[in-house]
C-alpha atoms as a PDB file:
ATOM      1  CA  MET A   1     105.707  98.008  92.228  1.00  0.00           C
ATOM      2  CA  THR A   2     104.689 101.048  94.573  1.00  0.00           C
ATOM      3  CA  ALA A   3     101.954 102.498  95.253  1.00  0.00           C
ATOM      4  CA  ASP A   4     101.107 106.297  95.440  1.00  0.00           C
ATOM      5  CA  ALA A   5      99.231 108.556  97.978  1.00  0.00           C
ATOM      6  CA  HIS A   6      95.581 107.896  98.482  1.00  0.00           C
ATOM      7  CA  ARG A   7      93.443 109.326  95.993  1.00  0.00           C
ATOM      8  CA  LEU A   8      91.035 110.338  98.549  1.00  0.00           C
ATOM      9  CA  PRO A   9      90.971 109.210 102.136  1.00  0.00           C
ATOM     10  CA  LEU A  10      87.743 107.656 102.844  1.00  0.00           C
ATOM     11  CA  THR A  11      86.783 104.110 103.947  1.00  0.00           C
ATOM     12  CA  MET A  12      83.719 102.107 103.242  1.00  0.00           C
ATOM     13  CA  LYS A  13      81.897  99.619 105.369  1.00  0.00           C
ATOM     14  CA  THR A  14      79.333  97.402 104.826  1.00  0.00           C
ATOM     15  CA  VAL A  15      77.731  94.071 105.990  1.00  0.00           C
ATOM     16  CA  PHE A  16      76.908  91.056 103.283  1.00  0.00           C
ATOM     17  CA  GLN A  17      73.835  90.001 105.169  1.00  0.00           C
ATOM     18  CA  ASP A  18      73.929  87.125 102.161  1.00  0.00           C
ATOM     19  CA  LEU A  19      76.974  86.685  99.895  1.00  0.00           C
ATOM     20  CA  PHE A  20      77.034  84.323  96.999  1.00  0.00           C
ATOM     21  CA  LEU A  21      80.211  83.736  95.159  1.00  0.00           C
ATOM     22  CA  LEU A  22      79.245  81.463  91.968  1.00  0.00           C
ATOM     23  CA  THR A  23      82.532  81.054  89.751  1.00  0.00           C
ATOM     24  CA  TYR A  24      82.799  80.216  86.237  1.00  0.00           C
ATOM     25  CA  ALA A  25      85.926  78.470  84.248  1.00  0.00           C
ATOM     26  CA  VAL A  26      86.473  80.298  81.222  1.00  0.00           C
ATOM     27  CA  ARG A  27      89.258  80.195  78.444  1.00  0.00           C
ATOM     28  CA  PRO A  28      91.990  82.296  79.034  1.00  0.00           C
ATOM     29  CA  GLU A  29      92.253  84.165  76.084  1.00  0.00           C
ATOM     30  CA  SER A  30      88.514  84.836  76.731  1.00  0.00           C
ATOM     31  CA  LEU A  31      89.004  86.201  79.444  1.00  0.00           C
ATOM     32  CA  ALA A  32      92.185  88.468  78.543  1.00  0.00           C
ATOM     33  CA  ALA A  33      90.056  89.883  75.867  1.00  0.00           C
ATOM     34  CA  LEU A  34      87.999  91.932  78.387  1.00  0.00           C
ATOM     35  CA  LEU A  35      91.194  92.930  80.602  1.00  0.00           C
ATOM     36  CA  PRO A  36      93.289  95.808  80.205  1.00  0.00           C
ATOM     37  CA  PRO A  37      97.003  95.111  78.933  1.00  0.00           C
ATOM     38  CA  CYS A  38      98.973  95.425  82.092  1.00  0.00           C
ATOM     39  CA  VAL A  39      96.237  93.144  83.751  1.00  0.00           C
ATOM     40  CA  PHE A  40      96.849  89.549  83.484  1.00  0.00           C
ATOM     41  CA  PRO A  41      94.236  86.634  83.574  1.00  0.00           C
ATOM     42  CA  TYR A  42      95.289  84.643  86.649  1.00  0.00           C
ATOM     43  CA  VAL A  43      95.929  80.999  85.012  1.00  0.00           C
ATOM     44  CA  ARG A  44      95.630  77.550  86.616  1.00  0.00           C
ATOM     45  CA  GLY A  45      95.923  74.629  84.339  1.00  0.00           C
ATOM     46  CA  GLU A  46      93.599  75.168  81.018  1.00  0.00           C
ATOM     47  CA  ASP A  47      91.283  77.596  82.890  1.00  0.00           C
ATOM     48  CA  SER A  48      91.024  81.387  84.016  1.00  0.00           C
ATOM     49  CA  PHE A  49      87.917  82.209  86.525  1.00  0.00           C
ATOM     50  CA  ILE A  50      85.086  84.498  86.380  1.00  0.00           C
ATOM     51  CA  SER A  51      83.287  84.907  89.696  1.00  0.00           C
ATOM     52  CA  VAL A  52      79.699  86.231  89.703  1.00  0.00           C
ATOM     53  CA  VAL A  53      79.286  87.449  93.058  1.00  0.00           C
ATOM     54  CA  VAL A  54      75.578  88.531  94.411  1.00  0.00           C
ATOM     55  CA  GLY A  55      75.431  90.289  97.351  1.00  0.00           C
ATOM     56  CA  ASN A  56      72.293  91.746  99.808  1.00  0.00           C
ATOM     57  CA  MET A  57      74.546  94.734 101.482  1.00  0.00           C
ATOM     58  CA  ARG A  58      73.482  96.306 104.279  1.00  0.00           C
ATOM     59  CA  GLY A  59      74.436  99.486 105.961  1.00  0.00           C
ATOM     60  CA  MET A  60      77.052 100.368 103.553  1.00  0.00           C
ATOM     61  CA  ARG A  61      78.600 103.904 104.338  1.00  0.00           C
ATOM     62  CA  PRO A  62      81.542 105.718 105.134  1.00  0.00           C
ATOM     63  CA  GLY A  63      83.473 103.954 107.856  1.00  0.00           C
ATOM     64  CA  VAL A  64      82.906 107.027 110.649  1.00  0.00           C
ATOM     65  CA  LEU A  65      79.141 106.594 110.478  1.00  0.00           C
ATOM     66  CA  PRO A  66      77.125 104.100 112.059  1.00  0.00           C
ATOM     67  CA  GLU A  67      75.326 101.341 110.371  1.00  0.00           C
ATOM     68  CA  PHE A  68      71.853 102.332 110.782  1.00  0.00           C
ATOM     69  CA  LEU A  69      72.901 105.185 108.814  1.00  0.00           C
ATOM     70  CA  GLY A  70      74.444 103.600 106.000  1.00  0.00           C
ATOM     71  CA  THR A  71      72.221 102.212 102.467  1.00  0.00           C
ATOM     72  CA  HIS A  72      70.738  98.859 102.178  1.00  0.00           C
ATOM     73  CA  TYR A  73      70.503  97.141  98.403  1.00  0.00           C
ATOM     74  CA  TYR A  74      71.569  94.312  96.355  1.00  0.00           C
ATOM     75  CA  GLN A  75      74.269  94.225  94.205  1.00  0.00           C
ATOM     76  CA  ILE A  76      75.709  91.800  91.307  1.00  0.00           C
ATOM     77  CA  VAL A  77      79.328  91.926  90.686  1.00  0.00           C
ATOM     78  CA  TYR A  78      81.029  90.067  87.578  1.00  0.00           C
ATOM     79  CA  ARG A  79      84.621  89.718  88.691  1.00  0.00           C
ATOM     80  CA  ALA A  80      87.962  88.292  87.196  1.00  0.00           C
ATOM     81  CA  VAL A  81      90.821  86.553  89.005  1.00  0.00           C
ATOM     82  CA  VAL A  82      93.545  88.480  87.587  1.00  0.00           C
ATOM     83  CA  ARG A  83      97.173  89.173  88.564  1.00  0.00           C
ATOM     84  CA  LEU A  84      99.139  92.578  87.908  1.00  0.00           C
ATOM     85  CA  ARG A  85     103.162  91.503  87.280  1.00  0.00           C
ATOM     86  CA  GLY A  86     105.801  93.859  88.346  1.00  0.00           C
ATOM     87  CA  ARG A  87     108.912  94.648  86.500  1.00  0.00           C
ATOM     88  CA  ASP A  88     110.674  93.182  89.408  1.00  0.00           C
ATOM     89  CA  GLY A  89     108.421  90.092  88.831  1.00  0.00           C
ATOM     90  CA  VAL A  90     106.570  90.196  91.924  1.00  0.00           C
ATOM     91  CA  GLU A  91     102.882  88.946  91.530  1.00  0.00           C
ATOM     92  CA  ARG A  92     100.081  90.638  93.141  1.00  0.00           C
ATOM     93  CA  PRO A  93      96.715  88.631  93.265  1.00  0.00           C
ATOM     94  CA  GLY A  94      93.363  90.285  93.330  1.00  0.00           C
ATOM     95  CA  VAL A  95      90.057  90.635  90.944  1.00  0.00           C
ATOM     96  CA  PHE A  96      89.137  93.188  88.154  1.00  0.00           C
ATOM     97  CA  PHE A  97      85.630  94.093  87.773  1.00  0.00           C
ATOM     98  CA  LEU A  98      83.812  93.468  84.614  1.00  0.00           C
ATOM     99  CA  ARG A  99      80.150  94.727  85.220  1.00  0.00           C
ATOM    100  CA  SER A 100      78.535  95.958  88.442  1.00  0.00           C
ATOM    101  CA  ASP A 101      74.706  96.024  88.493  1.00  0.00           C
ATOM    102  CA  SER A 102      72.616  97.246  91.643  1.00  0.00           C
ATOM    103  CA  ASN A 103      69.386  97.493  92.224  1.00  0.00           C
ATOM    104  CA  ASP A 104      69.104 100.923  93.734  1.00  0.00           C
ATOM    105  CA  PRO A 105      69.434 103.966  91.741  1.00  0.00           C
ATOM    106  CA  VAL A 106      70.839 106.422  94.444  1.00  0.00           C
ATOM    107  CA  MET A 107      73.702 104.138  95.036  1.00  0.00           C
ATOM    108  CA  ALA A 108      74.405 103.409  91.307  1.00  0.00           C
ATOM    109  CA  TYR A 109      74.391 107.440  90.817  1.00  0.00           C
ATOM    110  CA  PHE A 110      76.798 107.918  93.729  1.00  0.00           C
ATOM    111  CA  GLY A 111      78.681 104.586  92.976  1.00  0.00           C
ATOM    112  CA  ASN A 112      79.567 106.412  89.292  1.00  0.00           C
ATOM    113  CA  ARG A 113      80.708 109.629  90.721  1.00  0.00           C
ATOM    114  CA  LEU A 114      82.338 109.295  94.160  1.00  0.00           C
ATOM    115  CA  THR A 115      86.011 108.964  93.892  1.00  0.00           C
ATOM    116  CA  GLU A 116      86.304 105.542  95.331  1.00  0.00           C
ATOM    117  CA  PHE A 117      83.600 103.606  93.421  1.00  0.00           C
ATOM    118  CA  ARG A 118      83.922 105.090  90.274  1.00  0.00           C
ATOM    119  CA  PHE A 119      86.642 102.416  88.676  1.00  0.00           C
ATOM    120  CA  HIS A 120      83.799 100.718  87.415  1.00  0.00           C
ATOM    121  CA  TYR A 121      80.465 101.209  86.214  1.00  0.00           C
ATOM    122  CA  PHE A 122      77.157 100.642  87.986  1.00  0.00           C
ATOM    123  CA  HIS A 123      74.263  99.875  85.800  1.00  0.00           C
ATOM    124  CA  THR A 124      70.914  99.993  87.613  1.00  0.00           C
ATOM    125  CA  SER A 125      68.731  96.719  87.627  1.00  0.00           C
ATOM    126  CA  ALA A 126      65.945  94.786  88.894  1.00  0.00           C
ATOM    127  CA  ILE A 127      67.624  92.411  91.746  1.00  0.00           C
ATOM    128  CA  GLY A 128      65.672  89.185  93.399  1.00  0.00           C
ATOM    129  CA  LEU A 129      66.837  87.101  96.263  1.00  0.00           C
ATOM    130  CA  PHE A 130      64.384  84.285  97.458  1.00  0.00           C
ATOM    131  CA  GLN A 131      64.787  81.790  99.806  1.00  0.00           C
ATOM    132  CA  HIS A 132      62.623  79.062 100.734  1.00  0.00           C
ATOM    133  CA  ALA A 133      64.402  76.111 103.109  1.00  0.00           C
ATOM    134  CA  ASN A 134      67.462  75.317 101.630  1.00  0.00           C
ATOM    135  CA  ASP A 135      66.631  76.411  98.190  1.00  0.00           C
ATOM    136  CA  PHE A 136      67.797  80.044  96.840  1.00  0.00           C
ATOM    137  CA  LEU A 137      66.428  81.557  93.882  1.00  0.00           C
ATOM    138  CA  ILE A 138      68.449  84.993  91.941  1.00  0.00           C
ATOM    139  CA  THR A 139      67.232  86.593  89.307  1.00  0.00           C
ATOM    140  CA  ALA A 140      68.275  89.876  87.566  1.00  0.00           C
ATOM    141  CA  GLN A 141      66.470  91.915  84.963  1.00  0.00           C
ATOM    142  CA  THR A 142      68.905  94.661  83.175  1.00  0.00           C
ATOM    143  CA  GLU A 143      67.704  97.367  81.166  1.00  0.00           C
ATOM    144  CA  ASP A 144      70.912  96.690  78.615  1.00  0.00           C
ATOM    145  CA  LYS A 145      69.850  92.760  79.048  1.00  0.00           C
ATOM    146  CA  GLY A 146      73.512  92.196  79.403  1.00  0.00           C
ATOM    147  CA  GLY A 147      73.155  91.406  83.172  1.00  0.00           C
ATOM    148  CA  ASP A 148      70.038  89.290  82.751  1.00  0.00           C
ATOM    149  CA  LEU A 149      70.350  86.209  85.183  1.00  0.00           C
ATOM    150  CA  VAL A 150      68.487  83.393  86.641  1.00  0.00           C
ATOM    151  CA  MET A 151      69.916  81.241  89.085  1.00  0.00           C
ATOM    152  CA  HIS A 152      68.652  78.139  91.417  1.00  0.00           C
ATOM    153  CA  LEU A 153      70.905  76.789  94.088  1.00  0.00           C
ATOM    154  CA  GLN A 154      70.453  74.701  97.058  1.00  0.00           C
ATOM    155  CA  GLN A 155      72.459  74.315 100.294  1.00  0.00           C
ATOM    156  CA  GLN A 156      74.781  71.427 100.909  1.00  0.00           C
ATOM    157  CA  GLY A 157      76.069  72.323 104.196  1.00  0.00           C
ATOM    158  CA  ALA A 158      79.507  73.562 105.125  1.00  0.00           C
ATOM    159  CA  ALA A 159      81.992  73.995 102.520  1.00  0.00           C
ATOM    160  CA  GLU A 160      84.920  72.078 104.562  1.00  0.00           C
ATOM    161  CA  GLU A 161      82.616  69.001 105.010  1.00  0.00           C
ATOM    162  CA  ALA A 162      82.063  68.671 101.538  1.00  0.00           C
ATOM    163  CA  PRO A 163      84.695  67.951  98.466  1.00  0.00           C
ATOM    164  CA  PRO A 164      86.361  70.515  96.789  1.00  0.00           C
ATOM    165  CA  ALA A 165      85.269  72.088  93.238  1.00  0.00           C
ATOM    166  CA  PRO A 166      86.718  70.033  90.452  1.00  0.00           C
ATOM    167  CA  GLY A 167      90.009  70.528  89.776  1.00  0.00           C
ATOM    168  CA  PHE A 168      90.861  71.573  93.431  1.00  0.00           C
ATOM    169  CA  SER A 169      92.589  68.970  95.705  1.00  0.00           C
ATOM    170  CA  THR A 170      91.549  71.046  98.873  1.00  0.00           C
ATOM    171  CA  VAL A 171      88.819  73.376  99.814  1.00  0.00           C
ATOM    172  CA  LEU A 172      91.742  75.190 101.069  1.00  0.00           C
ATOM    173  CA  GLU A 173      93.195  75.180  97.921  1.00  0.00           C
ATOM    174  CA  GLU A 174      89.966  76.195  96.161  1.00  0.00           C
ATOM    175  CA  LYS A 175      89.554  79.244  98.980  1.00  0.00           C
ATOM    176  CA  GLU A 176      92.922  80.625  98.526  1.00  0.00           C
ATOM    177  CA  THR A 177      92.549  80.416  94.594  1.00  0.00           C
ATOM    178  CA  LEU A 178      88.809  82.124  94.050  1.00  0.00           C
ATOM    179  CA  VAL A 179      87.824  83.544  97.481  1.00  0.00           C
ATOM    180  CA  GLU A 180      91.093  84.581  99.192  1.00  0.00           C
ATOM    181  CA  LEU A 181      91.333  87.932  97.174  1.00  0.00           C
ATOM    182  CA  PHE A 182      91.588  91.122  99.149  1.00  0.00           C
ATOM    183  CA  HIS A 183      92.700  93.510  96.401  1.00  0.00           C
ATOM    184  CA  ALA A 184      90.366  94.885  93.374  1.00  0.00           C
ATOM    185  CA  PHE A 185      92.213  96.621  90.473  1.00  0.00           C
ATOM    186  CA  ALA A 186      91.037  99.176  87.793  1.00  0.00           C
ATOM    187  CA  ILE A 187      92.807 101.570  84.998  1.00  0.00           C
ATOM    188  CA  ASP A 188      92.482 105.056  84.482  1.00  0.00           C
ATOM    189  CA  SER A 189      93.936 104.476  80.540  1.00  0.00           C
ATOM    190  CA  PRO A 190      94.185 108.298  79.696  1.00  0.00           C
ATOM    191  CA  LYS A 191      96.522 108.874  83.223  1.00  0.00           C
ATOM    192  CA  GLU A 192      98.308 105.766  82.673  1.00  0.00           C
ATOM    193  CA  VAL A 193      97.589 104.750  86.280  1.00  0.00           C
ATOM    194  CA  LEU A 194      96.303 101.668  87.952  1.00  0.00           C
ATOM    195  CA  TYR A 195      94.177 101.709  91.210  1.00  0.00           C
ATOM    196  CA  ASP A 196      94.080  99.078  94.050  1.00  0.00           C
ATOM    197  CA  LEU A 197      91.138  99.096  96.306  1.00  0.00           C
ATOM    198  CA  GLU A 198      92.158  96.937  99.515  1.00  0.00           C
ATOM    199  CA  ILE A 199      89.474  95.011 101.369  1.00  0.00           C
ATOM    200  CA  GLU A 200      89.395  93.477 104.695  1.00  0.00           C
ATOM    201  CA  ARG A 201      86.630  91.493 105.963  1.00  0.00           C
ATOM    202  CA  GLY A 202      85.327  89.785 109.296  1.00  0.00           C
ATOM    203  CA  GLU A 203      84.966  85.797 109.857  1.00  0.00           C
ATOM    204  CA  TRP A 204      82.846  84.059 107.235  1.00  0.00           C
ATOM    205  CA  HIS A 205      81.872  80.514 107.125  1.00  0.00           C
ATOM    206  CA  LEU A 206      81.314  78.842 103.554  1.00  0.00           C
ATOM    207  CA  VAL A 207      78.364  76.858 102.696  1.00  0.00           C
ATOM    208  CA  ARG A 208      78.497  74.562  99.577  1.00  0.00           C
ATOM    209  CA  LEU A 209      75.918  75.204  97.407  1.00  0.00           C
ATOM    210  CA  LYS A 210      74.774  73.199  94.342  1.00  0.00           C
ATOM    211  CA  LEU A 211      73.548  75.036  91.015  1.00  0.00           C
ATOM    212  CA  THR A 212      70.412  72.998  89.846  1.00  0.00           C
ATOM    213  CA  ASP A 213      69.657  75.461  86.948  1.00  0.00           C
ATOM    214  CA  SER A 214      70.849  78.682  85.701  1.00  0.00           C
ATOM    215  CA  PHE A 215      70.520  81.427  83.004  1.00  0.00           C
ATOM    216  CA  CYS A 216      73.487  83.989  82.794  1.00  0.00           C
ATOM    217  CA  ALA A 217      73.356  86.400  79.811  1.00  0.00           C
ATOM    218  CA  PHE A 218      76.956  87.518  80.560  1.00  0.00           C
ATOM    219  CA  PHE A 219      78.000  84.035  79.366  1.00  0.00           C
ATOM    220  CA  GLU A 220      76.133  84.023  76.176  1.00  0.00           C
ATOM    221  CA  GLU A 221      77.982  87.203  74.574  1.00  0.00           C
ATOM    222  CA  ALA A 222      81.375  87.981  72.916  1.00  0.00           C
ATOM    223  CA  PRO A 223      84.032  86.718  73.633  1.00  0.00           C
ATOM    224  CA  PHE A 224      82.007  83.647  75.488  1.00  0.00           C
ATOM    225  CA  THR A 225      79.527  80.818  73.983  1.00  0.00           C
ATOM    226  CA  CYS A 226      77.531  78.838  75.773  1.00  0.00           C
ATOM    227  CA  ARG A 227      80.365  76.111  76.228  1.00  0.00           C
ATOM    228  CA  ASP A 228      82.739  78.557  76.949  1.00  0.00           C
ATOM    229  CA  ALA A 229      81.936  79.353  80.323  1.00  0.00           C
ATOM    230  CA  ARG A 230      81.966  76.281  82.831  1.00  0.00           C
ATOM    231  CA  PRO A 231      80.360  76.550  86.530  1.00  0.00           C
ATOM    232  CA  LEU A 232      82.756  75.250  88.681  1.00  0.00           C
ATOM    233  CA  SER A 233      82.331  76.674  92.345  1.00  0.00           C
ATOM    234  CA  HIS A 234      78.935  77.543  94.449  1.00  0.00           C
ATOM    235  CA  LEU A 235      79.648  79.054  97.777  1.00  0.00           C
ATOM    236  CA  TYR A 236      77.247  80.821 100.412  1.00  0.00           C
ATOM    237  CA  ILE A 237      78.260  83.378 103.166  1.00  0.00           C
ATOM    238  CA  ARG A 238      76.241  84.906 105.454  1.00  0.00           C
ATOM    239  CA  GLU A 239      76.659  87.887 107.890  1.00  0.00           C
ATOM    240  CA  CYS A 240      80.304  89.263 106.810  1.00  0.00           C
ATOM    241  CA  SER A 241      81.751  92.525 107.584  1.00  0.00           C
ATOM    242  CA  TYR A 242      83.460  94.249 105.042  1.00  0.00           C
ATOM    243  CA  THR A 243      85.693  97.335 104.804  1.00  0.00           C
ATOM    244  CA  TRP A 244      87.047  99.096 101.929  1.00  0.00           C
ATOM    245  CA  LYS A 245      90.189 100.964 102.507  1.00  0.00           C
ATOM    246  CA  PRO A 246      90.965 104.259 100.456  1.00  0.00           C
ATOM    247  CA  MET A 247      92.138 103.516  97.106  1.00  0.00           C
ATOM    248  CA  THR A 248      96.013 103.760  96.165  1.00  0.00           C
ATOM    249  CA  ALA A 249      97.826 104.863  92.554  1.00  0.00           C
ATOM    250  CA  ILE A 250      99.937 102.299  90.909  1.00  0.00           C
ATOM    251  CA  LYS A 251     101.973 103.805  87.289  1.00  0.00           C
ATOM    252  CA  CYS A 252     101.345 101.798  84.473  1.00  0.00           C
ATOM    253  CA  SER A 253     105.062 101.916  83.960  1.00  0.00           C
ATOM    254  CA  GLU A 254     105.693 100.121  87.140  1.00  0.00           C
ATOM    255  CA  VAL A 255     103.885  96.596  85.664  1.00  0.00           C
ATOM    256  CA  GLN A 256     104.532  94.267  82.942  1.00  0.00           C
ATOM    257  CA  SER A 257     101.712  94.421  79.996  1.00  0.00           C
ATOM    258  CA  ARG A 258     100.832  91.454  77.549  1.00  0.00           C
END
């Protein structure tokens, strides 16, 4: 499985001032219904996984610019944990974005037009992130109602000092499965091409969260029901630098399809 030349030699940088990684277990067949045929849900036991990623982004900008010239905004991404399977049998782990919401209309506008971001569509929504002591409240109000969200979470301390999420034997196993994913895939079906956006990040320290109450419209609509999506792993990270490298192209003929 090889990659073609870069579409556009543009590197983007930001700092996640706050980052929430809130993962749900779903039925593999439900997730497969949302993915193109050449992208496979990652399956562990009887589950596949979708993470709601909530970010307070500071200084999003082309990598050559200093942070103070960047854009500050909130973003919510629904990302599926997936695999590409090469014709040679080699698997490439990564994520596939199912939905994105930003509270910055300018960022959404350029995000839907710049080559490096256009691999998924940005909605423009009202997003709130509130903290009081160890409590967090996350809200999103969306025009199409499909991304409406309310979550109340409480900090529980360092993830390494707490038990792993249900179904994982260690926190390291949980991190390797749900967190340590450095490729985001997209597809251009008319061109029969997949795009691979590689990510680099700085050091992060995971904090375990307890989900005390929530509503997530995304998991209330087909192919899901309120019983199909099970809250599983809830993590919080502060002050983590991120770099998005230029996308590379992979021919769909080089990967397997379902």
